[in-house]
Amino acid sequence: MRPYVVTGGRARSRISFDVVTLVVTVAGAPAAGHDAHASPEERRMLALCRGGALSVAEISAYLHLPTSVTKVVLGDLTEAGLVATRAPAPVVTGPSVELLQEVLDGLRALV
């Protein structure tokens, strides 16, 4: 099916997703095939995410959909309260090499 049809002509979601954003179906969301108002893609995403958290990239790959289309459909599901998302953990930078060297030198001086 053409992406234009799947997204209703929209190119973007009102919610911003990164490709590594994790998505999971919320408790109480209708089981796949039981929501008459959901599109086939929405039902497939709900069923897929019911098994555990998946990234936006994984959902796109499993469903053979472009990432942009996946983001639009996930935006609709998020606004409907059917899926929950979690942004990726921020990259934590460790202490600098210079600081570690000073600590090591200090410890050696104590011995």
PDB file of N, CA and C in Angstrom:
ATOM      1  N   MET A   1       0.845  -1.166   0.000  1.00  0.00           N
ATOM      2  CA  MET A   1       0.000   0.000   0.000  1.00  0.00           C
ATOM      3  C   MET A   1       0.900   1.241   0.000  1.00  0.00           C
ATOM      4  N   ARG A   2       0.483   2.249  -0.683  1.00  0.00           N
ATOM      5  CA  ARG A   2       1.267   3.476  -0.785  1.00  0.00           C
ATOM      6  C   ARG A   2       1.324   4.204   0.558  1.00  0.00           C
ATOM      7  N   PRO A   3       2.493   4.759   0.899  1.00  0.00           N
ATOM      8  CA  PRO A   3       2.624   5.482   2.164  1.00  0.00           C
ATOM      9  C   PRO A   3       1.601   6.600   2.328  1.00  0.00           C
ATOM     10  N   TYR A   4       1.247   7.267   1.242  1.00  0.00           N
ATOM     11  CA  TYR A   4       0.270   8.358   1.306  1.00  0.00           C
ATOM     12  C   TYR A   4      -1.060   7.858   1.857  1.00  0.00           C
ATOM     13  N   VAL A   5      -1.462   6.684   1.450  1.00  0.00           N
ATOM     14  CA  VAL A   5      -2.732   6.110   1.896  1.00  0.00           C
ATOM     15  C   VAL A   5      -2.640   5.710   3.369  1.00  0.00           C
ATOM     16  N   VAL A   6      -1.529   5.102   3.760  1.00  0.00           N
ATOM     17  CA  VAL A   6      -1.352   4.639   5.135  1.00  0.00           C
ATOM     18  C   VAL A   6      -1.383   5.798   6.119  1.00  0.00           C
ATOM     19  N   THR A   7      -0.775   6.918   5.744  1.00  0.00           N
ATOM     20  CA  THR A   7      -0.665   8.056   6.664  1.00  0.00           C
ATOM     21  C   THR A   7      -1.771   9.082   6.473  1.00  0.00           C
ATOM     22  N   GLY A   8      -2.678   8.851   5.559  1.00  0.00           N
ATOM     23  CA  GLY A   8      -3.732   9.822   5.294  1.00  0.00           C
ATOM     24  C   GLY A   8      -3.192  11.103   4.690  1.00  0.00           C
ATOM     25  N   GLY A   9      -2.090  10.997   3.981  1.00  0.00           N
ATOM     26  CA  GLY A   9      -1.498  12.162   3.331  1.00  0.00           C
ATOM     27  C   GLY A   9      -0.548  12.957   4.209  1.00  0.00           C
ATOM     28  N   ARG A  10      -0.401  12.560   5.455  1.00  0.00           N
ATOM     29  CA  ARG A  10       0.492  13.302   6.350  1.00  0.00           C
ATOM     30  C   ARG A  10       1.930  12.836   6.189  1.00  0.00           C
ATOM     31  N   ALA A  11       2.842  13.776   6.242  1.00  0.00           N
ATOM     32  CA  ALA A  11       4.258  13.449   6.120  1.00  0.00           C
ATOM     33  C   ALA A  11       4.945  13.390   7.470  1.00  0.00           C
ATOM     34  N   ARG A  12       4.309  13.980   8.489  1.00  0.00           N
ATOM     35  CA  ARG A  12       4.922  14.020   9.825  1.00  0.00           C
ATOM     36  C   ARG A  12       3.881  13.795  10.892  1.00  0.00           C
ATOM     37  N   SER A  13       4.366  13.317  12.022  1.00  0.00           N
ATOM     38  CA  SER A  13       3.522  13.161  13.196  1.00  0.00           C
ATOM     39  C   SER A  13       3.666  14.409  14.056  1.00  0.00           C
ATOM     40  N   ARG A  14       2.670  14.681  14.861  1.00  0.00           N
ATOM     41  CA  ARG A  14       2.782  15.810  15.799  1.00  0.00           C
ATOM     42  C   ARG A  14       3.742  15.471  16.937  1.00  0.00           C
ATOM     43  N   ILE A  15       4.029  14.200  17.100  1.00  0.00           N
ATOM     44  CA  ILE A  15       4.959  13.742  18.123  1.00  0.00           C
ATOM     45  C   ILE A  15       6.255  13.352  17.431  1.00  0.00           C
ATOM     46  N   SER A  16       7.361  13.772  17.998  1.00  0.00           N
ATOM     47  CA  SER A  16       8.659  13.489  17.400  1.00  0.00           C
ATOM     48  C   SER A  16       9.221  12.183  17.967  1.00  0.00           C
ATOM     49  N   PHE A  17       9.655  11.312  17.082  1.00  0.00           N
ATOM     50  CA  PHE A  17      10.256  10.034  17.484  1.00  0.00           C
ATOM     51  C   PHE A  17      11.647   9.931  16.891  1.00  0.00           C
ATOM     52  N   ASP A  18      12.549   9.369  17.652  1.00  0.00           N
ATOM     53  CA  ASP A  18      13.863   9.012  17.155  1.00  0.00           C
ATOM     54  C   ASP A  18      13.768   7.559  16.698  1.00  0.00           C
ATOM     55  N   VAL A  19      14.652   7.114  15.848  1.00  0.00           N
ATOM     56  CA  VAL A  19      14.577   5.729  15.389  1.00  0.00           C
ATOM     57  C   VAL A  19      14.873   4.726  16.499  1.00  0.00           C
ATOM     58  N   VAL A  20      15.491   5.182  17.584  1.00  0.00           N
ATOM     59  CA  VAL A  20      15.778   4.275  18.703  1.00  0.00           C
ATOM     60  C   VAL A  20      14.788   4.449  19.859  1.00  0.00           C
ATOM     61  N   THR A  21      13.746   5.261  19.662  1.00  0.00           N
ATOM     62  CA  THR A  21      12.699   5.390  20.671  1.00  0.00           C
ATOM     63  C   THR A  21      12.033   4.040  20.864  1.00  0.00           C
ATOM     64  N   LEU A  22      11.844   3.640  22.121  1.00  0.00           N
ATOM     65  CA  LEU A  22      11.220   2.351  22.418  1.00  0.00           C
ATOM     66  C   LEU A  22       9.716   2.500  22.521  1.00  0.00           C
ATOM     67  N   VAL A  23       8.989   1.525  21.993  1.00  0.00           N
ATOM     68  CA  VAL A  23       7.527   1.558  21.937  1.00  0.00           C
ATOM     69  C   VAL A  23       6.996   0.261  22.521  1.00  0.00           C
ATOM     70  N   VAL A  24       5.940   0.364  23.343  1.00  0.00           N
ATOM     71  CA  VAL A  24       5.282  -0.812  23.899  1.00  0.00           C
ATOM     72  C   VAL A  24       3.785  -0.549  23.951  1.00  0.00           C
ATOM     73  N   THR A  25       2.992  -1.586  23.714  1.00  0.00           N
ATOM     74  CA  THR A  25       1.539  -1.469  23.804  1.00  0.00           C
ATOM     75  C   THR A  25       1.159  -1.338  25.276  1.00  0.00           C
ATOM     76  N   VAL A  26       0.260  -0.410  25.592  1.00  0.00           N
ATOM     77  CA  VAL A  26      -0.154  -0.216  26.982  1.00  0.00           C
ATOM     78  C   VAL A  26      -1.179  -1.275  27.375  1.00  0.00           C
ATOM     79  N   ALA A  27      -1.244  -1.540  28.658  1.00  0.00           N
ATOM     80  CA  ALA A  27      -2.233  -2.480  29.173  1.00  0.00           C
ATOM     81  C   ALA A  27      -3.622  -1.925  28.892  1.00  0.00           C
ATOM     82  N   GLY A  28      -4.518  -2.776  28.482  1.00  0.00           N
ATOM     83  CA  GLY A  28      -5.881  -2.347  28.193  1.00  0.00           C
ATOM     84  C   GLY A  28      -6.106  -1.944  26.753  1.00  0.00           C
ATOM     85  N   ALA A  29      -5.045  -1.901  25.948  1.00  0.00           N
ATOM     86  CA  ALA A  29      -5.217  -1.586  24.526  1.00  0.00           C
ATOM     87  C   ALA A  29      -5.937  -2.764  23.870  1.00  0.00           C
ATOM     88  N   PRO A  30      -6.806  -2.489  22.914  1.00  0.00           N
ATOM     89  CA  PRO A  30      -7.541  -3.587  22.287  1.00  0.00           C
ATOM     90  C   PRO A  30      -6.603  -4.581  21.620  1.00  0.00           C
ATOM     91  N   ALA A  31      -6.949  -5.837  21.686  1.00  0.00           N
ATOM     92  CA  ALA A  31      -6.145  -6.871  21.033  1.00  0.00           C
ATOM     93  C   ALA A  31      -6.195  -6.671  19.527  1.00  0.00           C
ATOM     94  N   ALA A  32      -5.175  -7.143  18.858  1.00  0.00           N
ATOM     95  CA  ALA A  32      -5.104  -7.000  17.410  1.00  0.00           C
ATOM     96  C   ALA A  32      -6.354  -7.578  16.765  1.00  0.00           C
ATOM     97  N   GLY A  33      -6.936  -6.809  15.868  1.00  0.00           N
ATOM     98  CA  GLY A  33      -8.108  -7.266  15.149  1.00  0.00           C
ATOM     99  C   GLY A  33      -9.417  -6.955  15.843  1.00  0.00           C
ATOM    100  N   HIS A  34      -9.377  -6.444  17.084  1.00  0.00           N
ATOM    101  CA  HIS A  34     -10.596  -6.177  17.831  1.00  0.00           C
ATOM    102  C   HIS A  34     -11.023  -4.718  17.824  1.00  0.00           C
ATOM    103  N   ASP A  35     -10.225  -3.849  17.261  1.00  0.00           N
ATOM    104  CA  ASP A  35     -10.583  -2.436  17.182  1.00  0.00           C
ATOM    105  C   ASP A  35     -11.006  -2.126  15.748  1.00  0.00           C
ATOM    106  N   ALA A  36     -12.292  -1.968  15.551  1.00  0.00           N
ATOM    107  CA  ALA A  36     -12.830  -1.758  14.206  1.00  0.00           C
ATOM    108  C   ALA A  36     -12.363  -0.444  13.592  1.00  0.00           C
ATOM    109  N   HIS A  37     -11.951   0.519  14.413  1.00  0.00           N
ATOM    110  CA  HIS A  37     -11.554   1.830  13.909  1.00  0.00           C
ATOM    111  C   HIS A  37     -10.068   1.892  13.551  1.00  0.00           C
ATOM    112  N   ALA A  38      -9.300   0.909  13.973  1.00  0.00           N
ATOM    113  CA  ALA A  38      -7.860   0.918  13.713  1.00  0.00           C
ATOM    114  C   ALA A  38      -7.578   0.459  12.290  1.00  0.00           C
ATOM    115  N   SER A  39      -6.562   1.066  11.692  1.00  0.00           N
ATOM    116  CA  SER A  39      -6.135   0.652  10.351  1.00  0.00           C
ATOM    117  C   SER A  39      -5.380  -0.668  10.463  1.00  0.00           C
ATOM    118  N   PRO A  40      -5.184  -1.366   9.355  1.00  0.00           N
ATOM    119  CA  PRO A  40      -4.414  -2.609   9.413  1.00  0.00           C
ATOM    120  C   PRO A  40      -3.001  -2.395   9.958  1.00  0.00           C
ATOM    121  N   GLU A  41      -2.381  -1.278   9.602  1.00  0.00           N
ATOM    122  CA  GLU A  41      -1.034  -0.997  10.098  1.00  0.00           C
ATOM    123  C   GLU A  41      -1.045  -0.771  11.602  1.00  0.00           C
ATOM    124  N   GLU A  42      -2.053  -0.043  12.097  1.00  0.00           N
ATOM    125  CA  GLU A  42      -2.152   0.190  13.545  1.00  0.00           C
ATOM    126  C   GLU A  42      -2.343  -1.133  14.282  1.00  0.00           C
ATOM    127  N   ARG A  43      -3.182  -2.004  13.752  1.00  0.00           N
ATOM    128  CA  ARG A  43      -3.405  -3.300  14.403  1.00  0.00           C
ATOM    129  C   ARG A  43      -2.133  -4.133  14.405  1.00  0.00           C
ATOM    130  N   ARG A  44      -1.400  -4.091  13.304  1.00  0.00           N
ATOM    131  CA  ARG A  44      -0.142  -4.845  13.232  1.00  0.00           C
ATOM    132  C   ARG A  44       0.886  -4.301  14.221  1.00  0.00           C
ATOM    133  N   MET A  45       0.967  -2.978  14.358  1.00  0.00           N
ATOM    134  CA  MET A  45       1.908  -2.380  15.310  1.00  0.00           C
ATOM    135  C   MET A  45       1.527  -2.727  16.746  1.00  0.00           C
ATOM    136  N   LEU A  46       0.239  -2.661  17.048  1.00  0.00           N
ATOM    137  CA  LEU A  46      -0.211  -3.007  18.395  1.00  0.00           C
ATOM    138  C   LEU A  46       0.130  -4.459  18.723  1.00  0.00           C
ATOM    139  N   ALA A  47      -0.105  -5.342  17.785  1.00  0.00           N
ATOM    140  CA  ALA A  47       0.202  -6.761  18.007  1.00  0.00           C
ATOM    141  C   ALA A  47       1.701  -6.977  18.178  1.00  0.00           C
ATOM    142  N   LEU A  48       2.485  -6.301  17.375  1.00  0.00           N
ATOM    143  CA  LEU A  48       3.934  -6.450  17.430  1.00  0.00           C
ATOM    144  C   LEU A  48       4.504  -5.937  18.749  1.00  0.00           C
ATOM    145  N   CYS A  49       4.014  -4.790  19.201  1.00  0.00           N
ATOM    146  CA  CYS A  49       4.542  -4.164  20.420  1.00  0.00           C
ATOM    147  C   CYS A  49       3.973  -4.794  21.696  1.00  0.00           C
ATOM    148  N   ARG A  50       2.980  -5.634  21.558  1.00  0.00           N
ATOM    149  CA  ARG A  50       2.415  -6.310  22.725  1.00  0.00           C
ATOM    150  C   ARG A  50       3.423  -7.297  23.321  1.00  0.00           C
ATOM    151  N   GLY A  51       4.335  -7.791  22.503  1.00  0.00           N
ATOM    152  CA  GLY A  51       5.328  -8.759  22.963  1.00  0.00           C
ATOM    153  C   GLY A  51       6.477  -8.147  23.745  1.00  0.00           C
ATOM    154  N   GLY A  52       6.579  -6.844  23.810  1.00  0.00           N
ATOM    155  CA  GLY A  52       7.673  -6.176  24.510  1.00  0.00           C
ATOM    156  C   GLY A  52       8.094  -4.930  23.767  1.00  0.00           C
ATOM    157  N   ALA A  53       8.961  -4.174  24.368  1.00  0.00           N
ATOM    158  CA  ALA A  53       9.401  -2.903  23.787  1.00  0.00           C
ATOM    159  C   ALA A  53      10.256  -3.139  22.546  1.00  0.00           C
ATOM    160  N   LEU A  54       9.936  -2.400  21.512  1.00  0.00           N
ATOM    161  CA  LEU A  54      10.702  -2.418  20.271  1.00  0.00           C
ATOM    162  C   LEU A  54      11.015  -0.984  19.876  1.00  0.00           C
ATOM    163  N   SER A  55      12.116  -0.804  19.179  1.00  0.00           N
ATOM    164  CA  SER A  55      12.450   0.531  18.693  1.00  0.00           C
ATOM    165  C   SER A  55      11.638   0.837  17.435  1.00  0.00           C
ATOM    166  N   VAL A  56      11.563   2.111  17.109  1.00  0.00           N
ATOM    167  CA  VAL A  56      10.870   2.543  15.898  1.00  0.00           C
ATOM    168  C   VAL A  56      11.501   1.870  14.675  1.00  0.00           C
ATOM    169  N   ALA A  57      12.819   1.775  14.659  1.00  0.00           N
ATOM    170  CA  ALA A  57      13.514   1.139  13.533  1.00  0.00           C
ATOM    171  C   ALA A  57      13.135  -0.337  13.412  1.00  0.00           C
ATOM    172  N   GLU A  58      13.039  -1.037  14.536  1.00  0.00           N
ATOM    173  CA  GLU A  58      12.661  -2.448  14.503  1.00  0.00           C
ATOM    174  C   GLU A  58      11.235  -2.627  13.992  1.00  0.00           C
ATOM    175  N   ILE A  59      10.327  -1.776  14.450  1.00  0.00           N
ATOM    176  CA  ILE A  59       8.934  -1.852  13.997  1.00  0.00           C
ATOM    177  C   ILE A  59       8.870  -1.641  12.489  1.00  0.00           C
ATOM    178  N   SER A  60       9.601  -0.651  12.000  1.00  0.00           N
ATOM    179  CA  SER A  60       9.641  -0.387  10.553  1.00  0.00           C
ATOM    180  C   SER A  60      10.135  -1.610   9.796  1.00  0.00           C
ATOM    181  N   ALA A  61      11.181  -2.225  10.305  1.00  0.00           N
ATOM    182  CA  ALA A  61      11.767  -3.381   9.624  1.00  0.00           C
ATOM    183  C   ALA A  61      10.815  -4.577   9.647  1.00  0.00           C
ATOM    184  N   TYR A  62      10.239  -4.872  10.805  1.00  0.00           N
ATOM    185  CA  TYR A  62       9.335  -6.020  10.902  1.00  0.00           C
ATOM    186  C   TYR A  62       8.104  -5.867  10.018  1.00  0.00           C
ATOM    187  N   LEU A  63       7.595  -4.656   9.910  1.00  0.00           N
ATOM    188  CA  LEU A  63       6.372  -4.427   9.153  1.00  0.00           C
ATOM    189  C   LEU A  63       6.631  -4.006   7.707  1.00  0.00           C
ATOM    190  N   HIS A  64       7.909  -3.905   7.320  1.00  0.00           N
ATOM    191  CA  HIS A  64       8.279  -3.523   5.959  1.00  0.00           C
ATOM    192  C   HIS A  64       7.649  -2.187   5.562  1.00  0.00           C
ATOM    193  N   LEU A  65       7.730  -1.221   6.488  1.00  0.00           N
ATOM    194  CA  LEU A  65       7.217   0.121   6.243  1.00  0.00           C
ATOM    195  C   LEU A  65       8.366   1.120   6.314  1.00  0.00           C
ATOM    196  N   PRO A  66       8.294   2.193   5.539  1.00  0.00           N
ATOM    197  CA  PRO A  66       9.298   3.250   5.684  1.00  0.00           C
ATOM    198  C   PRO A  66       9.237   3.834   7.102  1.00  0.00           C
ATOM    199  N   THR A  67      10.371   4.259   7.606  1.00  0.00           N
ATOM    200  CA  THR A  67      10.431   4.823   8.955  1.00  0.00           C
ATOM    201  C   THR A  67       9.505   6.019   9.102  1.00  0.00           C
ATOM    202  N   SER A  68       9.420   6.849   8.082  1.00  0.00           N
ATOM    203  CA  SER A  68       8.552   8.031   8.162  1.00  0.00           C
ATOM    204  C   SER A  68       7.088   7.628   8.333  1.00  0.00           C
ATOM    205  N   VAL A  69       6.655   6.588   7.652  1.00  0.00           N
ATOM    206  CA  VAL A  69       5.278   6.098   7.773  1.00  0.00           C
ATOM    207  C   VAL A  69       5.063   5.522   9.166  1.00  0.00           C
ATOM    208  N   THR A  70       6.024   4.760   9.647  1.00  0.00           N
ATOM    209  CA  THR A  70       5.928   4.169  10.986  1.00  0.00           C
ATOM    210  C   THR A  70       5.785   5.255  12.039  1.00  0.00           C
ATOM    211  N   LYS A  71       6.535   6.335  11.911  1.00  0.00           N
ATOM    212  CA  LYS A  71       6.469   7.426  12.881  1.00  0.00           C
ATOM    213  C   LYS A  71       5.100   8.096  12.894  1.00  0.00           C
ATOM    214  N   VAL A  72       4.503   8.276  11.721  1.00  0.00           N
ATOM    215  CA  VAL A  72       3.178   8.902  11.653  1.00  0.00           C
ATOM    216  C   VAL A  72       2.133   8.007  12.321  1.00  0.00           C
ATOM    217  N   VAL A  73       2.158   6.723  12.010  1.00  0.00           N
ATOM    218  CA  VAL A  73       1.183   5.791  12.592  1.00  0.00           C
ATOM    219  C   VAL A  73       1.401   5.667  14.095  1.00  0.00           C
ATOM    220  N   LEU A  74       2.652   5.604  14.529  1.00  0.00           N
ATOM    221  CA  LEU A  74       2.936   5.542  15.967  1.00  0.00           C
ATOM    222  C   LEU A  74       2.479   6.816  16.676  1.00  0.00           C
ATOM    223  N   GLY A  75       2.581   7.943  16.007  1.00  0.00           N
ATOM    224  CA  GLY A  75       2.076   9.194  16.585  1.00  0.00           C
ATOM    225  C   GLY A  75       0.586   9.111  16.857  1.00  0.00           C
ATOM    226  N   ASP A  76      -0.158   8.540  15.908  1.00  0.00           N
ATOM    227  CA  ASP A  76      -1.599   8.362  16.099  1.00  0.00           C
ATOM    228  C   ASP A  76      -1.894   7.430  17.267  1.00  0.00           C
ATOM    229  N   LEU A  77      -1.145   6.332  17.354  1.00  0.00           N
ATOM    230  CA  LEU A  77      -1.351   5.368  18.442  1.00  0.00           C
ATOM    231  C   LEU A  77      -0.983   5.965  19.799  1.00  0.00           C
ATOM    232  N   THR A  78       0.052   6.789  19.818  1.00  0.00           N
ATOM    233  CA  THR A  78       0.463   7.441  21.068  1.00  0.00           C
ATOM    234  C   THR A  78      -0.594   8.439  21.515  1.00  0.00           C
ATOM    235  N   GLU A  79      -1.106   9.238  20.590  1.00  0.00           N
ATOM    236  CA  GLU A  79      -2.146  10.217  20.924  1.00  0.00           C
ATOM    237  C   GLU A  79      -3.426   9.531  21.395  1.00  0.00           C
ATOM    238  N   ALA A  80      -3.693   8.332  20.895  1.00  0.00           N
ATOM    239  CA  ALA A  80      -4.878   7.583  21.307  1.00  0.00           C
ATOM    240  C   ALA A  80      -4.658   6.859  22.633  1.00  0.00           C
ATOM    241  N   GLY A  81      -3.431   6.899  23.156  1.00  0.00           N
ATOM    242  CA  GLY A  81      -3.128   6.244  24.430  1.00  0.00           C
ATOM    243  C   GLY A  81      -2.999   4.734  24.326  1.00  0.00           C
ATOM    244  N   LEU A  82      -2.724   4.234  23.132  1.00  0.00           N
ATOM    245  CA  LEU A  82      -2.628   2.793  22.931  1.00  0.00           C
ATOM    246  C   LEU A  82      -1.204   2.259  23.044  1.00  0.00           C
ATOM    247  N   VAL A  83      -0.232   3.134  22.864  1.00  0.00           N
ATOM    248  CA  VAL A  83       1.163   2.743  23.041  1.00  0.00           C
ATOM    249  C   VAL A  83       1.861   3.774  23.920  1.00  0.00           C
ATOM    250  N   ALA A  84       2.885   3.308  24.594  1.00  0.00           N
ATOM    251  CA  ALA A  84       3.730   4.193  25.398  1.00  0.00           C
ATOM    252  C   ALA A  84       5.121   4.188  24.776  1.00  0.00           C
ATOM    253  N   THR A  85       5.777   5.329  24.829  1.00  0.00           N
ATOM    254  CA  THR A  85       7.118   5.437  24.263  1.00  0.00           C
ATOM    255  C   THR A  85       8.094   5.897  25.323  1.00  0.00           C
ATOM    256  N   ARG A  86       9.331   5.539  25.106  1.00  0.00           N
ATOM    257  CA  ARG A  86      10.399   5.984  25.996  1.00  0.00           C
ATOM    258  C   ARG A  86      11.575   6.388  25.127  1.00  0.00           C
ATOM    259  N   ALA A  87      12.007   7.604  25.339  1.00  0.00           N
ATOM    260  CA  ALA A  87      13.153   8.117  24.583  1.00  0.00           C
ATOM    261  C   ALA A  87      14.399   7.320  24.970  1.00  0.00           C
ATOM    262  N   PRO A  88      15.345   7.232  24.070  1.00  0.00           N
ATOM    263  CA  PRO A  88      16.571   6.511  24.397  1.00  0.00           C
ATOM    264  C   PRO A  88      17.304   7.170  25.552  1.00  0.00           C
ATOM    265  N   ALA A  89      18.025   6.368  26.299  1.00  0.00           N
ATOM    266  CA  ALA A  89      18.808   6.897  27.412  1.00  0.00           C
ATOM    267  C   ALA A  89      19.892   7.824  26.861  1.00  0.00           C
ATOM    268  N   PRO A  90      20.104   8.954  27.519  1.00  0.00           N
ATOM    269  CA  PRO A  90      21.147   9.868  27.035  1.00  0.00           C
ATOM    270  C   PRO A  90      22.526   9.242  27.193  1.00  0.00           C
ATOM    271  N   VAL A  91      23.404   9.628  26.313  1.00  0.00           N
ATOM    272  CA  VAL A  91      24.771   9.130  26.368  1.00  0.00           C
ATOM    273  C   VAL A  91      25.458   9.772  27.567  1.00  0.00           C
ATOM    274  N   VAL A  92      25.976   8.928  28.415  1.00  0.00           N
ATOM    275  CA  VAL A  92      26.657   9.416  29.610  1.00  0.00           C
ATOM    276  C   VAL A  92      28.150   9.426  29.314  1.00  0.00           C
ATOM    277  N   THR A  93      28.742  10.573  29.541  1.00  0.00           N
ATOM    278  CA  THR A  93      30.178  10.655  29.339  1.00  0.00           C
ATOM    279  C   THR A  93      30.869  10.397  30.667  1.00  0.00           C
ATOM    280  N   GLY A  94      31.912   9.673  30.608  1.00  0.00           N
ATOM    281  CA  GLY A  94      32.671   9.355  31.811  1.00  0.00           C
ATOM    282  C   GLY A  94      33.664  10.448  32.142  1.00  0.00           C
ATOM    283  N   PRO A  95      34.404  10.239  33.190  1.00  0.00           N
ATOM    284  CA  PRO A  95      35.416  11.233  33.558  1.00  0.00           C
ATOM    285  C   PRO A  95      36.510  11.288  32.492  1.00  0.00           C
ATOM    286  N   SER A  96      37.188  12.411  32.446  1.00  0.00           N
ATOM    287  CA  SER A  96      38.250  12.583  31.455  1.00  0.00           C
ATOM    288  C   SER A  96      39.452  11.706  31.805  1.00  0.00           C
ATOM    289  N   VAL A  97      40.249  11.434  30.805  1.00  0.00           N
ATOM    290  CA  VAL A  97      41.453  10.624  30.999  1.00  0.00           C
ATOM    291  C   VAL A  97      42.408  11.336  31.959  1.00  0.00           C
ATOM    292  N   GLU A  98      42.450  12.662  31.877  1.00  0.00           N
ATOM    293  CA  GLU A  98      43.339  13.423  32.758  1.00  0.00           C
ATOM    294  C   GLU A  98      42.942  13.246  34.226  1.00  0.00           C
ATOM    295  N   LEU A  99      41.650  13.301  34.515  1.00  0.00           N
ATOM    296  CA  LEU A  99      41.173  13.129  35.884  1.00  0.00           C
ATOM    297  C   LEU A  99      41.493  11.725  36.390  1.00  0.00           C
ATOM    298  N   LEU A 100      41.281  10.727  35.579  1.00  0.00           N
ATOM    299  CA  LEU A 100      41.601   9.357  35.977  1.00  0.00           C
ATOM    300  C   LEU A 100      43.100   9.189  36.243  1.00  0.00           C
ATOM    301  N   GLN A 101      43.919   9.833  35.429  1.00  0.00           N
ATOM    302  CA  GLN A 101      45.370   9.756  35.628  1.00  0.00           C
ATOM    303  C   GLN A 101      45.765  10.414  36.952  1.00  0.00           C
ATOM    304  N   GLU A 102      45.133  11.556  37.287  1.00  0.00           N
ATOM    305  CA  GLU A 102      45.424  12.226  38.559  1.00  0.00           C
ATOM    306  C   GLU A 102      45.020  11.352  39.740  1.00  0.00           C
ATOM    307  N   VAL A 103      43.891  10.690  39.662  1.00  0.00           N
ATOM    308  CA  VAL A 103      43.439   9.792  40.739  1.00  0.00           C
ATOM    309  C   VAL A 103      44.428   8.649  40.881  1.00  0.00           C
ATOM    310  N   LEU A 104      44.839   8.056  39.765  1.00  0.00           N
ATOM    311  CA  LEU A 104      45.800   6.962  39.799  1.00  0.00           C
ATOM    312  C   LEU A 104      47.127   7.405  40.405  1.00  0.00           C
ATOM    313  N   ASP A 105      47.603   8.575  39.995  1.00  0.00           N
ATOM    314  CA  ASP A 105      48.847   9.101  40.561  1.00  0.00           C
ATOM    315  C   ASP A 105      48.720   9.334  42.058  1.00  0.00           C
ATOM    316  N   GLY A 106      47.556   9.858  42.492  1.00  0.00           N
ATOM    317  CA  GLY A 106      47.321  10.094  43.908  1.00  0.00           C
ATOM    318  C   GLY A 106      47.302   8.793  44.699  1.00  0.00           C
ATOM    319  N   LEU A 107      46.675   7.765  44.176  1.00  0.00           N
ATOM    320  CA  LEU A 107      46.628   6.467  44.839  1.00  0.00           C
ATOM    321  C   LEU A 107      48.018   5.840  44.930  1.00  0.00           C
ATOM    322  N   ARG A 108      48.798   5.979  43.881  1.00  0.00           N
ATOM    323  CA  ARG A 108      50.161   5.455  43.899  1.00  0.00           C
ATOM    324  C   ARG A 108      51.019   6.177  44.925  1.00  0.00           C
ATOM    325  N   ALA A 109      50.761   7.457  45.119  1.00  0.00           N
ATOM    326  CA  ALA A 109      51.531   8.244  46.085  1.00  0.00           C
ATOM    327  C   ALA A 109      51.229   7.798  47.512  1.00  0.00           C
ATOM    328  N   LEU A 110      50.023   7.269  47.740  1.00  0.00           N
ATOM    329  CA  LEU A 110      49.640   6.805  49.074  1.00  0.00           C
ATOM    330  C   LEU A 110      50.294   5.470  49.443  1.00  0.00           C
ATOM    331  N   VAL A 111      50.664   4.698  48.470  1.00  0.00           N
ATOM    332  CA  VAL A 111      51.200   3.355  48.740  1.00  0.00           C
ATOM    333  C   VAL A 111      52.663   3.363  48.911  1.00  0.00           C
TER     334      VAL A 111
END
